[in-house]
Amino acid sequence: MMMMMMMMMMMMMMMMMMMMMMMIVNNHLNLFNYFFK
């Protein structure tokens, strides 16, 4: 049981990190487009 909970927590953390990275990348791309227009 404990192992399952730990695995779930790790998966959630990974998903959150991926979402944050995607958001940051998108923001950076928007900024680049804005500057180099």
PDB file of N, CA and C in Angstrom:
ATOM      1  N   MET A   1       0.850  -1.205   0.000  1.00  0.00           N
ATOM      2  CA  MET A   1       0.000   0.000   0.000  1.00  0.00           C
ATOM      3  C   MET A   1       0.886   1.256   0.000  1.00  0.00           C
ATOM      4  N   MET A   2       1.842   1.270   0.869  1.00  0.00           N
ATOM      5  CA  MET A   2       2.696   2.468   0.961  1.00  0.00           C
ATOM      6  C   MET A   2       3.415   2.697  -0.375  1.00  0.00           C
ATOM      7  N   MET A   3       3.894   1.651  -0.987  1.00  0.00           N
ATOM      8  CA  MET A   3       4.617   1.787  -2.260  1.00  0.00           C
ATOM      9  C   MET A   3       3.685   2.384  -3.321  1.00  0.00           C
ATOM     10  N   MET A   4       2.466   1.926  -3.348  1.00  0.00           N
ATOM     11  CA  MET A   4       1.507   2.424  -4.346  1.00  0.00           C
ATOM     12  C   MET A   4       1.301   3.929  -4.150  1.00  0.00           C
ATOM     13  N   MET A   5       1.163   4.337  -2.909  1.00  0.00           N
ATOM     14  CA  MET A   5       0.936   5.763  -2.629  1.00  0.00           C
ATOM     15  C   MET A   5       2.150   6.566  -3.093  1.00  0.00           C
ATOM     16  N   MET A   6       3.325   6.056  -2.817  1.00  0.00           N
ATOM     17  CA  MET A   6       4.552   6.763  -3.196  1.00  0.00           C
ATOM     18  C   MET A   6       4.615   6.890  -4.720  1.00  0.00           C
ATOM     19  N   MET A   7       4.295   5.837  -5.405  1.00  0.00           N
ATOM     20  CA  MET A   7       4.334   5.859  -6.874  1.00  0.00           C
ATOM     21  C   MET A   7       3.342   6.904  -7.404  1.00  0.00           C
ATOM     22  N   MET A   8       2.173   6.936  -6.833  1.00  0.00           N
ATOM     23  CA  MET A   8       1.155   7.892  -7.283  1.00  0.00           C
ATOM     24  C   MET A   8       1.677   9.320  -7.072  1.00  0.00           C
ATOM     25  N   MET A   9       2.273   9.542  -5.913  1.00  0.00           N
ATOM     26  CA  MET A   9       2.778  10.889  -5.603  1.00  0.00           C
ATOM     27  C   MET A   9       3.868  11.269  -6.616  1.00  0.00           C
ATOM     28  N   MET A  10       4.744  10.344  -6.910  1.00  0.00           N
ATOM     29  CA  MET A  10       5.833  10.625  -7.856  1.00  0.00           C
ATOM     30  C   MET A  10       5.250  10.959  -9.234  1.00  0.00           C
ATOM     31  N   MET A  11       4.260  10.209  -9.658  1.00  0.00           N
ATOM     32  CA  MET A  11       3.645  10.449 -10.966  1.00  0.00           C
ATOM     33  C   MET A  11       3.018  11.848 -10.995  1.00  0.00           C
ATOM     34  N   MET A  12       2.336  12.203  -9.925  1.00  0.00           N
ATOM     35  CA  MET A  12       1.679  13.511  -9.866  1.00  0.00           C
ATOM     36  C   MET A  12       2.744  14.611  -9.956  1.00  0.00           C
ATOM     37  N   MET A  13       3.826  14.444  -9.217  1.00  0.00           N
ATOM     38  CA  MET A  13       4.884  15.462  -9.214  1.00  0.00           C
ATOM     39  C   MET A  13       5.462  15.593 -10.636  1.00  0.00           C
ATOM     40  N   MET A  14       5.706  14.475 -11.290  1.00  0.00           N
ATOM     41  CA  MET A  14       6.264  14.506 -12.641  1.00  0.00           C
ATOM     42  C   MET A  14       5.310  15.247 -13.588  1.00  0.00           C
ATOM     43  N   MET A  15       4.027  14.949 -13.474  1.00  0.00           N
ATOM     44  CA  MET A  15       3.043  15.599 -14.349  1.00  0.00           C
ATOM     45  C   MET A  15       3.056  17.112 -14.112  1.00  0.00           C
ATOM     46  N   MET A  16       3.097  17.499 -12.839  1.00  0.00           N
ATOM     47  CA  MET A  16       3.083  18.934 -12.514  1.00  0.00           C
ATOM     48  C   MET A  16       4.329  19.597 -13.107  1.00  0.00           C
ATOM     49  N   MET A  17       5.480  18.952 -12.967  1.00  0.00           N
ATOM     50  CA  MET A  17       6.723  19.532 -13.476  1.00  0.00           C
ATOM     51  C   MET A  17       6.613  19.700 -14.998  1.00  0.00           C
ATOM     52  N   MET A  18       6.085  18.688 -15.672  1.00  0.00           N
ATOM     53  CA  MET A  18       5.959  18.753 -17.131  1.00  0.00           C
ATOM     54  C   MET A  18       5.059  19.934 -17.522  1.00  0.00           C
ATOM     55  N   MET A  19       3.941  20.073 -16.807  1.00  0.00           N
ATOM     56  CA  MET A  19       3.011  21.162 -17.124  1.00  0.00           C
ATOM     57  C   MET A  19       3.715  22.510 -16.946  1.00  0.00           C
ATOM     58  N   MET A  20       4.448  22.634 -15.841  1.00  0.00           N
ATOM     59  CA  MET A  20       5.131  23.910 -15.573  1.00  0.00           C
ATOM     60  C   MET A  20       6.139  24.191 -16.688  1.00  0.00           C
ATOM     61  N   MET A  21       6.898  23.170 -17.069  1.00  0.00           N
ATOM     62  CA  MET A  21       7.908  23.366 -18.111  1.00  0.00           C
ATOM     63  C   MET A  21       7.237  23.794 -19.427  1.00  0.00           C
ATOM     64  N   MET A  22       6.142  23.130 -19.765  1.00  0.00           N
ATOM     65  CA  MET A  22       5.443  23.477 -21.007  1.00  0.00           C
ATOM     66  C   MET A  22       4.954  24.924 -20.963  1.00  0.00           C
ATOM     67  N   MET A  23       4.410  25.307 -19.830  1.00  0.00           N
ATOM     68  CA  MET A  23       3.898  26.683 -19.700  1.00  0.00           C
ATOM     69  C   MET A  23       5.041  27.693 -19.864  1.00  0.00           C
ATOM     70  N   ILE A  24       6.160  27.416 -19.210  1.00  0.00           N
ATOM     71  CA  ILE A  24       7.311  28.332 -19.286  1.00  0.00           C
ATOM     72  C   ILE A  24       7.803  28.415 -20.737  1.00  0.00           C
ATOM     73  N   VAL A  25       7.917  27.276 -21.379  1.00  0.00           N
ATOM     74  CA  VAL A  25       8.393  27.259 -22.776  1.00  0.00           C
ATOM     75  C   VAL A  25       7.439  28.071 -23.653  1.00  0.00           C
ATOM     76  N   ASN A  26       6.145  27.866 -23.463  1.00  0.00           N
ATOM     77  CA  ASN A  26       5.172  28.614 -24.274  1.00  0.00           C
ATOM     78  C   ASN A  26       5.325  30.108 -24.027  1.00  0.00           C
ATOM     79  N   ASN A  27       5.484  30.481 -22.789  1.00  0.00           N
ATOM     80  CA  ASN A  27       5.619  31.901 -22.474  1.00  0.00           C
ATOM     81  C   ASN A  27       6.865  32.465 -23.157  1.00  0.00           C
ATOM     82  N   HIS A  28       7.940  31.710 -23.103  1.00  0.00           N
ATOM     83  CA  HIS A  28       9.183  32.181 -23.712  1.00  0.00           C
ATOM     84  C   HIS A  28       9.002  32.325 -25.221  1.00  0.00           C
ATOM     85  N   LEU A  29       8.320  31.368 -25.827  1.00  0.00           N
ATOM     86  CA  LEU A  29       8.110  31.436 -27.276  1.00  0.00           C
ATOM     87  C   LEU A  29       7.294  32.673 -27.609  1.00  0.00           C
ATOM     88  N   ASN A  30       6.291  32.940 -26.820  1.00  0.00           N
ATOM     89  CA  ASN A  30       5.463  34.126 -27.072  1.00  0.00           C
ATOM     90  C   ASN A  30       6.324  35.384 -26.962  1.00  0.00           C
ATOM     91  N   LEU A  31       7.173  35.428 -25.964  1.00  0.00           N
ATOM     92  CA  LEU A  31       8.023  36.608 -25.779  1.00  0.00           C
ATOM     93  C   LEU A  31       8.947  36.774 -26.981  1.00  0.00           C
ATOM     94  N   PHE A  32       9.515  35.662 -27.437  1.00  0.00           N
ATOM     95  CA  PHE A  32      10.422  35.741 -28.588  1.00  0.00           C
ATOM     96  C   PHE A  32       9.677  36.276 -29.797  1.00  0.00           C
ATOM     97  N   ASN A  33       8.475  35.757 -30.019  1.00  0.00           N
ATOM     98  CA  ASN A  33       7.696  36.215 -31.179  1.00  0.00           C
ATOM     99  C   ASN A  33       7.399  37.701 -31.034  1.00  0.00           C
ATOM    100  N   TYR A  34       7.090  38.092 -29.842  1.00  0.00           N
ATOM    101  CA  TYR A  34       6.754  39.504 -29.602  1.00  0.00           C
ATOM    102  C   TYR A  34       7.957  40.418 -29.903  1.00  0.00           C
ATOM    103  N   PHE A  35       9.122  39.971 -29.488  1.00  0.00           N
ATOM    104  CA  PHE A  35      10.324  40.798 -29.682  1.00  0.00           C
ATOM    105  C   PHE A  35      10.810  40.801 -31.124  1.00  0.00           C
ATOM    106  N   PHE A  36      10.756  39.647 -31.766  1.00  0.00           N
ATOM    107  CA  PHE A  36      11.293  39.558 -33.130  1.00  0.00           C
ATOM    108  C   PHE A  36      10.259  39.777 -34.226  1.00  0.00           C
ATOM    109  N   LYS A  37       9.162  40.400 -33.886  1.00  0.00           N
ATOM    110  CA  LYS A  37       8.136  40.584 -34.909  1.00  0.00           C
ATOM    111  C   LYS A  37       8.543  41.662 -35.904  1.00  0.00           C
TER     112      LYS A  37
END
